[in-house]
Amino acid sequence: YSKDVLFIDPTQTRQGIEAYIVAQNGLMQRCDDVLLETISVAINDCNAFVEWSMVLKIKGIEFTYPGATALVLNNDGLIIKHRDYFDFVGSTFGPVPLVGGFVRWLYKRFVS
């Protein structure tokens, strides 16, 4: 990663390697367990795309986030932009009792 990497995901935007590390450490500290599985990788010149599945275990509940990461590399091969794409709301609140039913209803109402 470059010193001035830009990190974006559905919950935050961070600029700089220190801010990126703080964001990743914060995620790890909130979780009892983390599993990240790479499904596929595509690289073309200075762009890379990674499809993945992440499982976070928090307070005994497992949350599964299928997603993808788009990476932009500079001429030295360092990552200057890291953007994650995933469904934060459905994956986070879907498994939670009571709230999950409402989230599924809401998605069905607006997506159908």
Protein backbone atom coordinates (compact mmCIF):
# COMPACT_ATOMS: atom_id res chain seq x y z
CA TYR A 1 0.00 0.00 0.00
CA SER A 2 1.15 3.55 -0.71
CA LYS A 3 1.46 6.00 2.15
CA ASP A 4 -1.48 8.04 0.82
CA VAL A 5 -3.79 5.12 -0.09
CA LEU A 6 -7.49 5.94 -0.37
CA PHE A 7 -9.70 3.29 1.27
CA ILE A 8 -13.47 3.28 0.71
CA ASP A 9 -16.13 0.82 1.80
CA PRO A 10 -19.87 1.14 2.47
CA THR A 11 -19.22 2.33 6.05
CA GLN A 12 -16.22 4.64 5.76
CA THR A 13 -13.66 6.52 3.71
CA ARG A 14 -10.08 6.73 4.97
CA GLN A 15 -7.04 8.47 3.50
CA GLY A 16 -3.49 7.34 4.26
CA ILE A 17 -1.90 4.07 5.33
CA GLU A 18 -2.15 4.87 9.04
CA ALA A 19 -5.91 5.50 8.77
CA TYR A 20 -6.30 2.29 6.74
CA ILE A 21 -4.49 0.27 9.42
CA VAL A 22 -6.62 1.85 12.17
CA ALA A 23 -9.79 0.91 10.24
CA GLN A 24 -8.66 -2.71 9.78
CA ASN A 25 -7.55 -3.04 13.40
CA GLY A 26 -10.92 -1.65 14.55
CA LEU A 27 -12.73 -4.33 12.57
CA MET A 28 -10.53 -7.08 14.01
CA GLN A 29 -11.07 -5.85 17.58
CA ARG A 30 -14.88 -5.89 17.20
CA CYS A 31 -14.91 -9.49 15.99
CA ASP A 32 -14.55 -12.79 17.79
CA ASP A 33 -13.40 -14.39 14.54
CA VAL A 34 -12.81 -13.39 10.91
CA LEU A 35 -12.64 -15.59 7.82
CA LEU A 36 -11.81 -14.08 4.43
CA GLU A 37 -11.96 -16.35 1.38
CA THR A 38 -10.74 -15.23 -2.03
CA ILE A 39 -13.00 -16.48 -4.81
CA SER A 40 -11.40 -14.94 -7.91
CA VAL A 41 -8.80 -12.39 -8.93
CA ALA A 42 -8.44 -10.42 -12.18
CA ILE A 43 -5.54 -8.07 -12.95
CA ASN A 44 -5.19 -5.74 -15.92
CA ASP A 45 -2.32 -3.24 -16.03
CA CYS A 46 -2.71 -1.11 -12.87
CA ASN A 47 -6.17 -2.39 -11.91
CA ALA A 48 -7.07 -5.47 -9.90
CA PHE A 49 -10.42 -6.92 -8.95
CA VAL A 50 -10.86 -9.45 -6.14
CA GLU A 51 -14.11 -11.29 -5.46
CA TRP A 52 -14.33 -12.56 -1.89
CA SER A 53 -16.51 -13.81 0.92
CA MET A 54 -15.96 -12.60 4.46
CA VAL A 55 -17.47 -14.14 7.58
CA LEU A 56 -17.38 -12.11 10.79
CA LYS A 57 -18.35 -13.64 14.11
CA ILE A 58 -19.53 -10.94 16.52
CA LYS A 59 -21.06 -11.76 19.91
CA GLY A 60 -21.80 -15.31 18.79
CA ILE A 61 -23.58 -14.31 15.56
CA GLU A 62 -22.02 -15.01 12.16
CA PHE A 63 -22.39 -12.39 9.46
CA THR A 64 -21.51 -13.33 5.87
CA TYR A 65 -20.53 -10.59 3.43
CA PRO A 66 -20.03 -11.59 -0.20
CA GLY A 67 -18.20 -8.78 -1.89
CA ALA A 68 -15.54 -7.46 -4.21
CA THR A 69 -12.55 -5.17 -4.01
CA ALA A 70 -11.29 -2.89 -6.76
CA LEU A 71 -7.61 -1.95 -6.43
CA VAL A 72 -5.68 0.70 -8.33
CA LEU A 73 -1.88 0.42 -8.34
CA ASN A 74 0.69 3.08 -9.07
CA ASN A 75 3.73 2.62 -11.35
CA ASP A 76 5.69 1.12 -8.44
CA GLY A 77 3.02 -1.55 -7.91
CA LEU A 78 1.74 -0.02 -4.67
CA ILE A 79 -1.99 0.20 -4.01
CA ILE A 80 -3.18 3.81 -4.19
CA LYS A 81 -6.92 3.10 -4.07
CA HIS A 82 -8.76 0.24 -2.35
CA ARG A 83 -12.53 0.18 -2.70
CA ASP A 84 -14.72 -2.55 -1.22
CA TYR A 85 -18.21 -3.27 -2.51
CA PHE A 86 -20.67 -5.31 -0.43
CA ASP A 87 -24.20 -5.21 0.95
CA PHE A 88 -23.65 -3.86 4.44
CA VAL A 89 -27.29 -3.49 5.51
CA GLY A 90 -28.67 -6.85 4.39
CA SER A 91 -25.65 -8.85 5.53
CA THR A 92 -25.38 -7.06 8.87
CA PHE A 93 -29.00 -6.90 9.94
CA GLY A 94 -30.43 -9.93 8.11
CA PRO A 95 -29.22 -12.49 10.68
CA VAL A 96 -30.32 -10.44 13.71
CA PRO A 97 -33.57 -11.66 15.30
CA LEU A 98 -36.58 -9.36 14.72
CA VAL A 99 -34.53 -6.83 12.75
CA GLY A 100 -33.68 -9.40 10.05
CA GLY A 101 -37.31 -9.97 9.14
CA PHE A 102 -37.88 -6.25 8.74
CA VAL A 103 -34.77 -5.84 6.57
CA ARG A 104 -35.85 -8.73 4.30
CA TRP A 105 -39.35 -7.22 4.04
CA LEU A 106 -37.88 -3.81 3.21
CA TYR A 107 -35.59 -5.23 0.52
CA LYS A 108 -38.45 -7.22 -0.99
CA ARG A 109 -40.65 -4.14 -1.06
CA PHE A 110 -38.11 -1.95 -2.87
CA VAL A 111 -36.25 -4.51 -4.97
CA SER A 112 -39.15 -6.63 -6.25
